[in-house]
N, C-alpha and C. Protein backbone atom coordinates (compact mmCIF):
# COMPACT_ATOMS: atom_id res chain seq x y z
N UNK A 1 -5.39 4.18 11.67
CA UNK A 1 -4.44 3.54 12.55
C UNK A 1 -4.70 2.03 12.67
N UNK A 2 -5.94 1.64 12.46
CA UNK A 2 -6.27 0.22 12.57
C UNK A 2 -5.65 -0.60 11.46
N UNK A 3 -5.32 0.03 10.35
CA UNK A 3 -4.75 -0.70 9.21
C UNK A 3 -3.23 -0.80 9.28
N UNK A 4 -2.60 -0.22 10.28
CA UNK A 4 -1.15 -0.23 10.39
C UNK A 4 -0.56 -1.65 10.39
N UNK A 5 -1.11 -2.61 11.14
CA UNK A 5 -0.55 -3.96 11.07
C UNK A 5 -0.63 -4.57 9.67
N UNK A 6 -1.68 -4.25 8.95
CA UNK A 6 -1.81 -4.75 7.58
C UNK A 6 -0.70 -4.21 6.69
N UNK A 7 -0.45 -2.92 6.79
CA UNK A 7 0.62 -2.31 5.99
C UNK A 7 1.98 -2.85 6.37
N UNK A 8 2.21 -3.03 7.66
CA UNK A 8 3.52 -3.53 8.11
C UNK A 8 3.77 -4.96 7.65
N UNK A 9 2.74 -5.81 7.67
CA UNK A 9 2.94 -7.18 7.20
C UNK A 9 3.18 -7.23 5.70
N UNK A 10 2.52 -6.35 4.96
CA UNK A 10 2.75 -6.32 3.51
C UNK A 10 4.16 -5.83 3.20
N UNK A 11 4.64 -4.83 3.91
CA UNK A 11 6.00 -4.33 3.69
C UNK A 11 7.02 -5.38 4.09
N UNK A 12 6.79 -6.07 5.21
CA UNK A 12 7.72 -7.10 5.66
C UNK A 12 7.78 -8.26 4.67
N UNK A 13 6.65 -8.65 4.11
CA UNK A 13 6.64 -9.74 3.13
C UNK A 13 7.40 -9.34 1.87
N UNK A 14 7.22 -8.12 1.41
CA UNK A 14 7.95 -7.66 0.23
C UNK A 14 9.44 -7.57 0.49
N UNK A 15 9.82 -7.07 1.64
CA UNK A 15 11.24 -6.97 1.99
C UNK A 15 11.87 -8.36 2.11
N UNK A 16 11.14 -9.30 2.68
CA UNK A 16 11.64 -10.66 2.80
C UNK A 16 11.86 -11.31 1.44
N UNK A 17 10.93 -11.12 0.53
CA UNK A 17 11.09 -11.67 -0.82
C UNK A 17 12.27 -11.04 -1.54
N UNK A 18 12.47 -9.75 -1.34
CA UNK A 18 13.61 -9.07 -1.96
C UNK A 18 14.93 -9.62 -1.44
N UNK A 19 15.03 -9.83 -0.14
CA UNK A 19 16.26 -10.37 0.46
C UNK A 19 16.49 -11.80 -0.03
N UNK A 20 15.44 -12.63 -0.05
CA UNK A 20 15.59 -14.01 -0.54
C UNK A 20 16.11 -14.03 -1.97
N UNK A 21 15.53 -13.22 -2.82
CA UNK A 21 15.93 -13.20 -4.23
C UNK A 21 17.37 -12.71 -4.39
N UNK A 22 17.73 -11.68 -3.64
CA UNK A 22 19.10 -11.14 -3.73
C UNK A 22 20.13 -12.18 -3.27
N UNK A 23 19.85 -12.85 -2.16
CA UNK A 23 20.79 -13.84 -1.65
C UNK A 23 20.90 -15.05 -2.58
N UNK A 24 19.78 -15.53 -3.06
CA UNK A 24 19.83 -16.69 -3.96
C UNK A 24 20.45 -16.33 -5.31
N UNK A 25 20.24 -15.10 -5.77
CA UNK A 25 20.84 -14.66 -7.03
C UNK A 25 22.35 -14.62 -6.95
N UNK A 26 22.88 -14.30 -5.78
CA UNK A 26 24.33 -14.29 -5.59
C UNK A 26 24.89 -15.68 -5.34
N UNK A 27 24.04 -16.61 -4.92
CA UNK A 27 24.51 -17.95 -4.59
C UNK A 27 24.68 -18.81 -5.85
N UNK A 28 23.57 -19.04 -6.55
CA UNK A 28 23.64 -19.88 -7.75
C UNK A 28 22.39 -19.68 -8.58
N UNK A 29 22.55 -19.80 -9.86
CA UNK A 29 21.42 -19.63 -10.76
C UNK A 29 20.38 -20.73 -10.56
N UNK A 30 20.84 -21.95 -10.34
CA UNK A 30 19.92 -23.07 -10.14
C UNK A 30 19.09 -22.88 -8.88
N UNK A 31 19.71 -22.37 -7.82
CA UNK A 31 18.98 -22.12 -6.58
C UNK A 31 17.93 -21.04 -6.78
N UNK A 32 18.25 -20.01 -7.52
CA UNK A 32 17.29 -18.95 -7.82
C UNK A 32 16.13 -19.48 -8.66
N UNK A 33 16.43 -20.33 -9.62
CA UNK A 33 15.38 -20.92 -10.45
C UNK A 33 14.47 -21.82 -9.62
N UNK A 34 15.04 -22.61 -8.73
CA UNK A 34 14.23 -23.47 -7.87
C UNK A 34 13.34 -22.64 -6.95
N UNK A 35 13.88 -21.56 -6.45
CA UNK A 35 13.10 -20.65 -5.60
C UNK A 35 11.94 -20.05 -6.40
N UNK A 36 12.19 -19.67 -7.63
CA UNK A 36 11.14 -19.07 -8.47
C UNK A 36 10.01 -20.06 -8.73
N UNK A 37 10.35 -21.32 -8.98
CA UNK A 37 9.33 -22.35 -9.20
C UNK A 37 8.53 -22.58 -7.92
N UNK A 38 9.22 -22.65 -6.80
CA UNK A 38 8.55 -22.87 -5.52
C UNK A 38 7.60 -21.72 -5.20
N UNK A 39 8.05 -20.50 -5.41
CA UNK A 39 7.22 -19.33 -5.14
C UNK A 39 6.01 -19.32 -6.07
N UNK A 40 6.19 -19.72 -7.32
CA UNK A 40 5.08 -19.75 -8.26
C UNK A 40 4.01 -20.74 -7.85
N UNK A 41 4.41 -21.82 -7.17
CA UNK A 41 3.45 -22.83 -6.75
C UNK A 41 2.78 -22.45 -5.43
N UNK A 42 3.56 -22.00 -4.46
CA UNK A 42 3.02 -21.79 -3.12
C UNK A 42 2.50 -20.38 -2.85
N UNK A 43 2.91 -19.41 -3.61
CA UNK A 43 2.46 -18.04 -3.37
C UNK A 43 0.95 -17.84 -3.53
N UNK A 44 0.33 -18.40 -4.56
CA UNK A 44 -1.12 -18.20 -4.66
C UNK A 44 -1.89 -18.77 -3.47
N UNK A 45 -1.48 -19.93 -2.99
CA UNK A 45 -2.16 -20.52 -1.83
C UNK A 45 -1.94 -19.67 -0.58
N UNK A 46 -0.72 -19.24 -0.38
CA UNK A 46 -0.41 -18.41 0.78
C UNK A 46 -1.13 -17.07 0.70
N UNK A 47 -1.18 -16.49 -0.48
CA UNK A 47 -1.85 -15.20 -0.65
C UNK A 47 -3.35 -15.32 -0.40
N UNK A 48 -3.92 -16.43 -0.78
CA UNK A 48 -5.36 -16.63 -0.56
C UNK A 48 -5.68 -16.67 0.93
N UNK A 49 -4.94 -17.46 1.67
CA UNK A 49 -5.19 -17.57 3.11
C UNK A 49 -4.85 -16.26 3.81
N UNK A 50 -3.72 -15.68 3.47
CA UNK A 50 -3.31 -14.42 4.11
C UNK A 50 -4.30 -13.30 3.77
N UNK A 51 -4.81 -13.30 2.56
CA UNK A 51 -5.79 -12.28 2.19
C UNK A 51 -7.07 -12.39 2.98
N UNK A 52 -7.51 -13.61 3.19
CA UNK A 52 -8.72 -13.81 4.00
C UNK A 52 -8.49 -13.38 5.44
N UNK A 53 -7.33 -13.72 5.98
CA UNK A 53 -7.04 -13.33 7.36
C UNK A 53 -6.81 -11.83 7.49
N UNK A 54 -6.17 -11.22 6.51
CA UNK A 54 -5.97 -9.77 6.54
C UNK A 54 -7.28 -9.03 6.39
N UNK A 55 -8.23 -9.62 5.72
CA UNK A 55 -9.54 -9.01 5.57
C UNK A 55 -10.31 -8.93 6.87
N UNK A 56 -9.92 -9.74 7.84
CA UNK A 56 -10.58 -9.74 9.15
C UNK A 56 -9.99 -8.66 10.05
N UNK A 57 -8.77 -8.21 9.76
CA UNK A 57 -8.09 -7.24 10.64
C UNK A 57 -8.89 -5.98 10.95
N UNK A 58 -9.54 -5.35 9.97
CA UNK A 58 -10.30 -4.14 10.31
C UNK A 58 -11.45 -4.39 11.29
N UNK A 59 -11.93 -5.62 11.35
CA UNK A 59 -12.99 -5.94 12.29
C UNK A 59 -12.43 -6.29 13.67
N UNK A 60 -11.19 -6.76 13.70
CA UNK A 60 -10.56 -7.14 14.97
C UNK A 60 -10.13 -5.91 15.75
N UNK A 61 -9.56 -4.92 15.08
CA UNK A 61 -9.00 -3.76 15.76
C UNK A 61 -9.98 -3.04 16.69
N UNK A 62 -11.22 -2.79 16.30
CA UNK A 62 -12.12 -2.10 17.22
C UNK A 62 -12.54 -2.94 18.43
N UNK A 63 -12.33 -4.24 18.37
CA UNK A 63 -12.75 -5.13 19.46
C UNK A 63 -11.58 -5.64 20.30
N UNK A 64 -10.42 -5.02 20.16
CA UNK A 64 -9.22 -5.53 20.84
C UNK A 64 -9.34 -5.48 22.36
N UNK A 65 -10.19 -4.62 22.89
CA UNK A 65 -10.35 -4.52 24.34
C UNK A 65 -11.50 -5.36 24.87
N UNK A 66 -12.19 -6.08 24.01
CA UNK A 66 -13.34 -6.89 24.43
C UNK A 66 -13.15 -8.33 23.96
N UNK A 67 -12.45 -9.16 24.74
CA UNK A 67 -12.15 -10.53 24.31
C UNK A 67 -13.39 -11.38 24.04
N UNK A 68 -14.49 -11.08 24.74
CA UNK A 68 -15.70 -11.88 24.52
C UNK A 68 -16.27 -11.69 23.12
N UNK A 69 -16.13 -10.50 22.57
CA UNK A 69 -16.60 -10.24 21.20
C UNK A 69 -15.52 -10.55 20.17
N UNK A 70 -14.26 -10.58 20.59
CA UNK A 70 -13.15 -10.80 19.67
C UNK A 70 -13.00 -12.27 19.28
N UNK A 71 -13.15 -13.16 20.23
CA UNK A 71 -12.93 -14.59 19.98
C UNK A 71 -13.81 -15.15 18.86
N UNK A 72 -15.12 -14.90 18.85
CA UNK A 72 -15.93 -15.42 17.73
C UNK A 72 -15.52 -14.84 16.38
N UNK A 73 -15.09 -13.61 16.38
CA UNK A 73 -14.65 -12.97 15.13
C UNK A 73 -13.38 -13.63 14.60
N UNK A 74 -12.41 -13.85 15.45
CA UNK A 74 -11.17 -14.50 15.04
C UNK A 74 -11.45 -15.95 14.60
N UNK A 75 -12.32 -16.61 15.31
CA UNK A 75 -12.69 -17.99 14.95
C UNK A 75 -13.34 -18.02 13.58
N UNK A 76 -14.24 -17.09 13.31
CA UNK A 76 -14.88 -17.03 11.99
C UNK A 76 -13.88 -16.69 10.90
N UNK A 77 -12.93 -15.81 11.21
CA UNK A 77 -11.89 -15.47 10.24
C UNK A 77 -11.02 -16.66 9.89
N UNK A 78 -10.72 -17.47 10.88
CA UNK A 78 -9.92 -18.67 10.63
C UNK A 78 -10.67 -19.62 9.71
N UNK A 79 -11.95 -19.84 9.97
CA UNK A 79 -12.72 -20.74 9.13
C UNK A 79 -12.93 -20.17 7.73
N UNK A 80 -13.05 -18.85 7.63
CA UNK A 80 -13.14 -18.22 6.32
C UNK A 80 -11.88 -18.51 5.50
N UNK A 81 -10.71 -18.38 6.12
CA UNK A 81 -9.45 -18.65 5.43
C UNK A 81 -9.36 -20.10 5.00
N UNK A 82 -9.77 -21.01 5.86
CA UNK A 82 -9.73 -22.44 5.53
C UNK A 82 -10.66 -22.75 4.36
N UNK A 83 -11.86 -22.19 4.40
CA UNK A 83 -12.82 -22.46 3.34
C UNK A 83 -12.37 -21.85 2.00
N UNK A 84 -11.85 -20.63 2.05
CA UNK A 84 -11.38 -19.99 0.82
C UNK A 84 -10.22 -20.78 0.23
N UNK A 85 -9.32 -21.24 1.07
CA UNK A 85 -8.17 -22.01 0.58
C UNK A 85 -8.60 -23.37 0.02
N UNK A 86 -9.65 -23.96 0.59
CA UNK A 86 -10.05 -25.30 0.13
C UNK A 86 -10.82 -25.27 -1.18
N UNK A 87 -11.51 -24.17 -1.50
CA UNK A 87 -12.28 -24.13 -2.73
C UNK A 87 -11.52 -23.46 -3.87
N UNK A 88 -10.37 -22.88 -3.59
CA UNK A 88 -9.58 -22.17 -4.61
C UNK A 88 -9.03 -23.19 -5.61
N UNK A 89 -9.18 -22.88 -6.86
CA UNK A 89 -8.67 -23.75 -7.92
C UNK A 89 -7.52 -23.03 -8.63
N UNK A 90 -6.40 -23.75 -8.86
CA UNK A 90 -5.28 -23.11 -9.58
C UNK A 90 -5.58 -22.93 -11.05
């Protein structure tokens, strides 16, 4: 049950990409091509940060009722995401 938010965010991201592609495909070919280039550039960076933050979720769920133990964990997760994103090379 602790992984439910992780699954929901992954499903929502996939559904959002599907809707974006369908709408842009009906609008214009150039718009769809521009979207594809943009996604190719920004998706790896977004996936890196989101992956680091999603990796913290299983540790957050058991501590949701104890804010004193939760805050340092969330803070460390944020810095992990920043560090992973800064050292990632395309």
